[in-house]
Amino acid sequence: MMHPTIYWTEMSSPIGPLVLMATDSGLCKIEFGGFAQREDKLRNWINSWFPKGTGIAQDQPAEHVILKEAEAQLKRYFAGELQIFTVKLDMRGTPFQTRVWQALLEVPYGESRSYKHIAGAIEQPKAVRAVGGANNRNPVPLIVPCHRIIGAGGAMVGYGGGLDIKTSLLELERQ
């Protein structure tokens, strides 16, 4: 059995460094922070979702088409020039998580929804906490817009990159 290689690069962004990871099938992970600080967390994630023997290769953005495209689209997003991402994705998660992430993709740019709304959208209205957990495990934040999900009554709650980043992303999209 072939084990995929995971290519990665690090990019600068207005919200700090981001690690982008991709297989030949698509973008599979975005991590807030630099690779050096997040390497253990990234390797644990890879070990959870990819077969043993999967390798990590450092790549330059121009040398891997998916990383190059993801970085270009993210730069356009941060510049206020892109609202819908089209980079291919290779997301890994449970069936429930993937349903939640699919629902997140339906939340329009510049808008927000509650966890309760997403639970209703996946036809599991009582799964509000589970939706929050799936939101937290979104492997490609920004691309799958988990930052657009807020608490009841508009409360800013939970975000893997921190609430200050969540707030700045929502402000960027409301301009």
Protein backbone atom coordinates (compact mmCIF):
# COMPACT_ATOMS: atom_id res chain seq x y z
CA MET A 1 0.00 0.00 0.00
CA MET A 2 1.30 3.43 -0.94
CA HIS A 3 1.63 5.90 1.89
CA PRO A 4 1.01 9.50 0.92
CA THR A 5 3.66 12.12 1.34
CA ILE A 6 2.52 15.21 3.16
CA TYR A 7 4.07 18.37 1.79
CA TRP A 8 4.18 21.50 3.89
CA THR A 9 5.16 25.10 3.76
CA GLU A 10 4.95 28.05 6.06
CA MET A 11 3.51 31.38 5.01
CA SER A 12 3.29 34.79 6.62
CA SER A 13 -0.15 36.29 7.04
CA PRO A 14 -1.73 39.29 8.78
CA ILE A 15 -2.74 36.92 11.61
CA GLY A 16 0.75 35.45 12.00
CA PRO A 17 2.55 32.49 10.45
CA LEU A 18 0.49 29.63 9.04
CA VAL A 19 1.60 26.09 8.23
CA LEU A 20 -0.07 24.65 5.13
CA MET A 21 0.00 20.90 4.55
CA ALA A 22 -1.15 18.97 1.49
CA THR A 23 -1.17 15.54 -0.03
CA ASP A 24 -1.29 15.06 -3.78
CA SER A 25 -5.10 14.89 -3.34
CA GLY A 26 -5.55 18.29 -1.72
CA LEU A 27 -4.91 20.67 1.15
CA CYS A 28 -5.26 18.68 4.36
CA LYS A 29 -4.19 20.98 7.21
CA ILE A 30 -3.72 24.61 8.16
CA GLU A 31 -2.12 25.27 11.51
CA PHE A 32 -1.80 28.64 13.22
CA GLY A 33 1.83 29.36 14.10
CA GLY A 34 5.14 28.23 12.69
CA PHE A 35 6.16 24.66 11.93
CA ALA A 36 8.94 24.62 14.54
CA GLN A 37 6.50 25.48 17.35
CA ARG A 38 3.75 23.18 16.10
CA GLU A 39 5.72 20.20 14.82
CA ASP A 40 4.72 17.79 17.62
CA LYS A 41 1.04 18.72 17.28
CA LEU A 42 1.21 18.33 13.49
CA ARG A 43 2.92 14.93 13.70
CA ASN A 44 0.29 13.73 16.20
CA TRP A 45 -2.45 14.86 13.81
CA ILE A 46 -0.77 13.04 10.90
CA ASN A 47 -0.42 9.87 13.00
CA SER A 48 -4.15 10.03 13.79
CA TRP A 49 -5.40 10.38 10.22
CA PHE A 50 -2.82 8.87 7.88
CA PRO A 51 -1.42 5.35 7.63
CA LYS A 52 1.85 4.53 9.34
CA GLY A 53 4.75 5.27 7.06
CA THR A 54 3.32 8.53 5.78
CA GLY A 55 6.19 10.94 5.38
CA ILE A 56 6.44 14.69 5.80
CA ALA A 57 8.43 16.50 3.15
CA GLN A 58 9.31 20.17 3.34
CA ASP A 59 8.31 21.82 0.13
CA GLN A 60 8.68 25.26 -1.32
CA PRO A 61 5.29 26.74 -2.28
CA ALA A 62 6.19 27.01 -5.97
CA GLU A 63 7.07 23.32 -6.12
CA HIS A 64 3.75 21.81 -5.05
CA VAL A 65 0.73 22.96 -7.01
CA ILE A 66 -1.77 22.60 -4.13
CA LEU A 67 0.38 24.48 -1.63
CA LYS A 68 1.07 27.18 -4.22
CA GLU A 69 -2.66 27.54 -4.96
CA ALA A 70 -3.65 27.55 -1.27
CA GLU A 71 -1.09 30.23 -0.44
CA ALA A 72 -2.16 32.39 -3.41
CA GLN A 73 -5.84 32.10 -2.43
CA LEU A 74 -5.12 32.88 1.23
CA LYS A 75 -3.13 36.00 0.22
CA ARG A 76 -6.09 37.15 -1.90
CA TYR A 77 -8.47 36.43 1.00
CA PHE A 78 -6.40 38.51 3.42
CA ALA A 79 -6.24 41.31 0.83
CA GLY A 80 -10.07 41.32 0.69
CA GLU A 81 -10.05 40.07 -2.91
CA LEU A 82 -11.35 36.48 -2.42
CA GLN A 83 -14.54 35.30 -0.77
CA ILE A 84 -14.80 31.66 -1.86
CA PHE A 85 -11.86 29.26 -1.83
CA THR A 86 -11.53 26.73 -4.63
CA VAL A 87 -8.34 24.92 -3.64
CA LYS A 88 -8.79 21.12 -3.59
CA LEU A 89 -9.19 19.67 -0.11
CA ASP A 90 -8.17 16.33 1.40
CA MET A 91 -9.90 16.66 4.77
CA ARG A 92 -9.67 13.88 7.33
CA GLY A 93 -12.28 13.47 10.04
CA THR A 94 -15.14 11.36 11.30
CA PRO A 95 -18.38 11.21 9.29
CA PHE A 96 -20.03 13.59 11.80
CA GLN A 97 -17.14 16.05 11.59
CA THR A 98 -17.24 16.04 7.80
CA ARG A 99 -20.98 16.82 7.84
CA VAL A 100 -20.33 19.76 10.16
CA TRP A 101 -17.46 21.02 7.99
CA GLN A 102 -19.67 20.75 4.90
CA ALA A 103 -22.29 22.89 6.68
CA LEU A 104 -19.62 25.46 7.57
CA LEU A 105 -18.87 25.86 3.87
CA GLU A 106 -22.48 27.03 3.40
CA VAL A 107 -22.05 30.03 5.73
CA PRO A 108 -21.62 33.04 3.42
CA TYR A 109 -18.61 35.31 3.51
CA GLY A 110 -19.19 38.24 5.86
CA GLU A 111 -21.92 36.47 7.83
CA SER A 112 -21.95 34.34 10.95
CA ARG A 113 -24.10 31.54 12.29
CA SER A 114 -24.54 29.96 15.70
CA TYR A 115 -23.50 26.47 16.70
CA LYS A 116 -27.21 25.79 17.11
CA HIS A 117 -27.83 26.85 13.51
CA ILE A 118 -25.17 24.42 12.26
CA ALA A 119 -26.63 21.62 14.39
CA GLY A 120 -29.99 22.27 12.73
CA ALA A 121 -28.39 22.43 9.28
CA ILE A 122 -27.04 18.89 9.71
CA GLU A 123 -30.42 17.77 11.08
CA GLN A 124 -29.09 17.07 14.57
CA PRO A 125 -30.55 19.98 16.54
CA LYS A 126 -29.48 18.59 19.92
CA ALA A 127 -25.84 18.15 18.86
CA VAL A 128 -24.79 21.75 19.60
CA ARG A 129 -21.83 20.72 21.80
CA ALA A 130 -20.73 18.08 19.30
CA VAL A 131 -20.86 20.72 16.56
CA GLY A 132 -18.56 22.86 18.71
CA GLY A 133 -16.16 19.92 19.04
CA ALA A 134 -16.18 19.29 15.29
CA ASN A 135 -15.67 22.99 14.66
CA ASN A 136 -12.63 22.89 16.95
CA ARG A 137 -11.17 19.97 14.98
CA ASN A 138 -11.59 21.59 11.56
CA PRO A 139 -8.27 20.76 9.86
CA VAL A 140 -8.40 23.67 7.40
CA PRO A 141 -9.57 26.79 9.24
CA LEU A 142 -9.99 29.87 7.05
CA ILE A 143 -10.77 27.69 4.01
CA VAL A 144 -13.60 25.96 5.90
CA PRO A 145 -14.81 29.05 7.78
CA CYS A 146 -15.19 27.88 11.36
CA HIS A 147 -14.41 31.46 12.46
CA ARG A 148 -17.91 32.40 11.23
CA ILE A 149 -19.54 30.28 13.95
CA ILE A 150 -20.43 32.16 17.12
CA GLY A 151 -22.22 31.41 20.36
CA ALA A 152 -25.86 32.03 21.17
CA GLY A 153 -26.76 35.69 21.18
CA GLY A 154 -23.65 36.62 19.18
CA ALA A 155 -21.10 35.70 21.85
CA MET A 156 -17.54 35.24 20.62
CA VAL A 157 -16.60 31.79 21.85
CA GLY A 158 -13.80 29.38 21.07
CA TYR A 159 -11.39 29.50 18.18
CA GLY A 160 -8.26 27.42 17.61
CA GLY A 161 -6.30 30.51 16.59
CA GLY A 162 -7.57 32.54 19.55
CA LEU A 163 -10.50 34.92 19.89
CA ASP A 164 -8.42 37.91 18.73
CA ILE A 165 -7.79 36.18 15.39
CA LYS A 166 -11.46 35.15 15.12
CA THR A 167 -12.49 38.76 15.70
CA SER A 168 -10.03 40.10 13.13
CA LEU A 169 -11.20 37.57 10.50
CA LEU A 170 -14.85 38.52 11.04
CA GLU A 171 -13.92 42.21 10.80
CA LEU A 172 -11.95 41.57 7.58
CA GLU A 173 -15.01 39.91 6.05
CA ARG A 174 -17.37 42.71 7.09
CA GLN A 175 -15.38 45.44 5.30
